[in-house]
Amino acid sequence: MGLSERKKEINSRRKRRAQLARMKSKLPTLDEAGKAKYAEKLRRMTPGAEQIISDWNLEAK
């Protein structure tokens, strides 16, 4: 039996939160090109990406 839609949503949120934590821990070692790549990954990964990008100072405005 498959997962209910709610369980799928919860699992994807947990995975996204774990991915964001891993990405944030690697931020200090990134150069400008790496930060731009991370910004693009965030845009594909999560709907609230612009807020995260501005909080993490990934792109200059």
N, C-alpha and C. Protein backbone atom coordinates (compact mmCIF):
# COMPACT_ATOMS: atom_id res chain seq x y z
N MET A 1 0.84 -1.17 0.00
CA MET A 1 0.00 0.00 0.00
C MET A 1 0.89 1.24 0.00
N GLY A 2 0.56 2.20 -0.82
CA GLY A 2 1.35 3.41 -0.94
C GLY A 2 1.11 4.39 0.19
N LEU A 3 1.91 5.42 0.18
CA LEU A 3 1.77 6.46 1.19
C LEU A 3 0.61 7.38 0.86
N SER A 4 -0.01 7.90 1.88
CA SER A 4 -1.04 8.90 1.65
C SER A 4 -0.37 10.20 1.20
N GLU A 5 -1.12 11.07 0.62
CA GLU A 5 -0.57 12.34 0.13
C GLU A 5 0.04 13.15 1.27
N ARG A 6 -0.58 13.12 2.43
CA ARG A 6 -0.06 13.87 3.57
C ARG A 6 1.30 13.33 3.99
N LYS A 7 1.45 12.02 4.02
CA LYS A 7 2.73 11.41 4.39
C LYS A 7 3.80 11.78 3.37
N LYS A 8 3.45 11.79 2.08
CA LYS A 8 4.41 12.17 1.04
C LYS A 8 4.87 13.61 1.25
N GLU A 9 3.92 14.48 1.57
CA GLU A 9 4.24 15.88 1.80
C GLU A 9 5.17 16.03 3.01
N ILE A 10 4.87 15.34 4.07
CA ILE A 10 5.70 15.40 5.28
C ILE A 10 7.10 14.89 4.99
N ASN A 11 7.20 13.77 4.27
CA ASN A 11 8.52 13.22 3.94
C ASN A 11 9.33 14.18 3.08
N SER A 12 8.68 14.81 2.11
CA SER A 12 9.42 15.74 1.25
C SER A 12 9.85 16.97 2.03
N ARG A 13 9.05 17.43 2.97
CA ARG A 13 9.44 18.57 3.81
C ARG A 13 10.64 18.23 4.67
N ARG A 14 10.63 17.03 5.24
CA ARG A 14 11.76 16.60 6.07
C ARG A 14 13.03 16.50 5.25
N LYS A 15 12.93 15.95 4.06
CA LYS A 15 14.09 15.82 3.19
C LYS A 15 14.60 17.20 2.79
N ARG A 16 13.69 18.11 2.44
CA ARG A 16 14.08 19.47 2.05
C ARG A 16 14.77 20.18 3.21
N ARG A 17 14.26 20.01 4.42
CA ARG A 17 14.87 20.64 5.59
C ARG A 17 16.28 20.11 5.82
N ALA A 18 16.47 18.80 5.64
CA ALA A 18 17.79 18.19 5.81
C ALA A 18 18.75 18.69 4.72
N GLN A 19 18.26 18.81 3.49
CA GLN A 19 19.10 19.31 2.40
C GLN A 19 19.51 20.75 2.65
N LEU A 20 18.59 21.56 3.13
CA LEU A 20 18.91 22.96 3.43
C LEU A 20 19.95 23.06 4.53
N ALA A 21 19.86 22.20 5.54
CA ALA A 21 20.84 22.21 6.63
C ALA A 21 22.22 21.85 6.10
N ARG A 22 22.30 20.84 5.22
CA ARG A 22 23.59 20.46 4.63
C ARG A 22 24.14 21.59 3.78
N MET A 23 23.27 22.22 2.99
CA MET A 23 23.72 23.31 2.13
C MET A 23 24.23 24.49 2.96
N LYS A 24 23.52 24.82 4.03
CA LYS A 24 23.90 25.96 4.86
C LYS A 24 25.24 25.71 5.55
N SER A 25 25.52 24.46 5.92
CA SER A 25 26.78 24.17 6.59
C SER A 25 27.98 24.34 5.65
N LYS A 26 27.76 24.22 4.34
CA LYS A 26 28.85 24.34 3.37
C LYS A 26 29.02 25.76 2.85
N LEU A 27 28.15 26.67 3.24
CA LEU A 27 28.21 28.04 2.73
C LEU A 27 29.55 28.76 2.95
N PRO A 28 30.19 28.66 4.11
CA PRO A 28 31.43 29.42 4.32
C PRO A 28 32.56 29.06 3.36
N THR A 29 32.52 27.87 2.78
CA THR A 29 33.61 27.44 1.91
C THR A 29 33.37 27.77 0.44
N LEU A 30 32.23 28.35 0.11
CA LEU A 30 31.88 28.59 -1.29
C LEU A 30 32.46 29.89 -1.81
N ASP A 31 32.81 29.88 -3.10
CA ASP A 31 33.20 31.11 -3.78
C ASP A 31 31.95 31.69 -4.46
N GLU A 32 32.11 32.75 -5.23
CA GLU A 32 30.96 33.41 -5.85
C GLU A 32 30.23 32.49 -6.83
N ALA A 33 30.98 31.71 -7.61
CA ALA A 33 30.35 30.80 -8.56
C ALA A 33 29.56 29.72 -7.83
N GLY A 34 30.10 29.22 -6.75
CA GLY A 34 29.41 28.22 -5.95
C GLY A 34 28.13 28.76 -5.33
N LYS A 35 28.19 30.01 -4.89
CA LYS A 35 27.00 30.63 -4.31
C LYS A 35 25.91 30.81 -5.36
N ALA A 36 26.30 31.17 -6.58
CA ALA A 36 25.31 31.32 -7.66
C ALA A 36 24.68 29.97 -7.99
N LYS A 37 25.49 28.92 -7.97
CA LYS A 37 24.98 27.57 -8.24
C LYS A 37 24.00 27.15 -7.15
N TYR A 38 24.35 27.45 -5.89
CA TYR A 38 23.45 27.13 -4.78
C TYR A 38 22.13 27.89 -4.91
N ALA A 39 22.19 29.14 -5.34
CA ALA A 39 20.97 29.92 -5.50
C ALA A 39 20.06 29.27 -6.54
N GLU A 40 20.63 28.80 -7.63
CA GLU A 40 19.83 28.12 -8.66
C GLU A 40 19.24 26.82 -8.12
N LYS A 41 20.01 26.06 -7.35
CA LYS A 41 19.50 24.83 -6.75
C LYS A 41 18.32 25.13 -5.83
N LEU A 42 18.46 26.19 -5.03
CA LEU A 42 17.39 26.56 -4.11
C LEU A 42 16.13 26.94 -4.85
N ARG A 43 16.27 27.65 -5.96
CA ARG A 43 15.09 28.05 -6.74
C ARG A 43 14.35 26.83 -7.28
N ARG A 44 15.07 25.80 -7.64
CA ARG A 44 14.43 24.58 -8.14
C ARG A 44 13.84 23.75 -7.00
N MET A 45 14.43 23.85 -5.82
CA MET A 45 14.09 22.96 -4.73
C MET A 45 12.90 23.42 -3.90
N THR A 46 12.75 24.70 -3.66
CA THR A 46 11.76 25.14 -2.68
C THR A 46 11.04 26.40 -3.15
N PRO A 47 9.77 26.52 -2.81
CA PRO A 47 9.01 27.71 -3.22
C PRO A 47 9.44 28.99 -2.49
N GLY A 48 10.01 28.88 -1.31
CA GLY A 48 10.45 30.06 -0.56
C GLY A 48 11.90 30.41 -0.80
N ALA A 49 12.40 30.10 -1.98
CA ALA A 49 13.82 30.22 -2.26
C ALA A 49 14.33 31.65 -2.18
N GLU A 50 13.58 32.61 -2.66
CA GLU A 50 14.07 34.00 -2.69
C GLU A 50 14.35 34.52 -1.29
N GLN A 51 13.52 34.13 -0.33
CA GLN A 51 13.74 34.55 1.05
C GLN A 51 15.01 33.92 1.60
N ILE A 52 15.21 32.64 1.32
CA ILE A 52 16.41 31.94 1.80
C ILE A 52 17.65 32.54 1.17
N ILE A 53 17.59 32.83 -0.13
CA ILE A 53 18.73 33.42 -0.85
C ILE A 53 19.11 34.76 -0.25
N SER A 54 18.12 35.57 0.07
CA SER A 54 18.44 36.87 0.66
C SER A 54 18.96 36.72 2.09
N ASP A 55 18.43 35.77 2.85
CA ASP A 55 18.91 35.54 4.22
C ASP A 55 20.34 35.03 4.24
N TRP A 56 20.68 34.19 3.29
CA TRP A 56 22.01 33.59 3.22
C TRP A 56 23.00 34.45 2.44
N ASN A 57 22.56 35.58 1.91
CA ASN A 57 23.40 36.49 1.12
C ASN A 57 24.10 35.78 -0.04
N LEU A 58 23.33 35.04 -0.80
CA LEU A 58 23.90 34.30 -1.92
C LEU A 58 24.07 35.15 -3.17
N GLU A 59 23.22 36.12 -3.35
CA GLU A 59 23.32 36.97 -4.53
C GLU A 59 23.23 38.43 -4.11
N ALA A 60 24.06 39.24 -4.73
CA ALA A 60 24.03 40.67 -4.46
C ALA A 60 22.82 41.28 -5.16
N LYS A 61 22.19 42.19 -4.49
CA LYS A 61 21.01 42.83 -5.07
C LYS A 61 21.35 44.17 -5.66
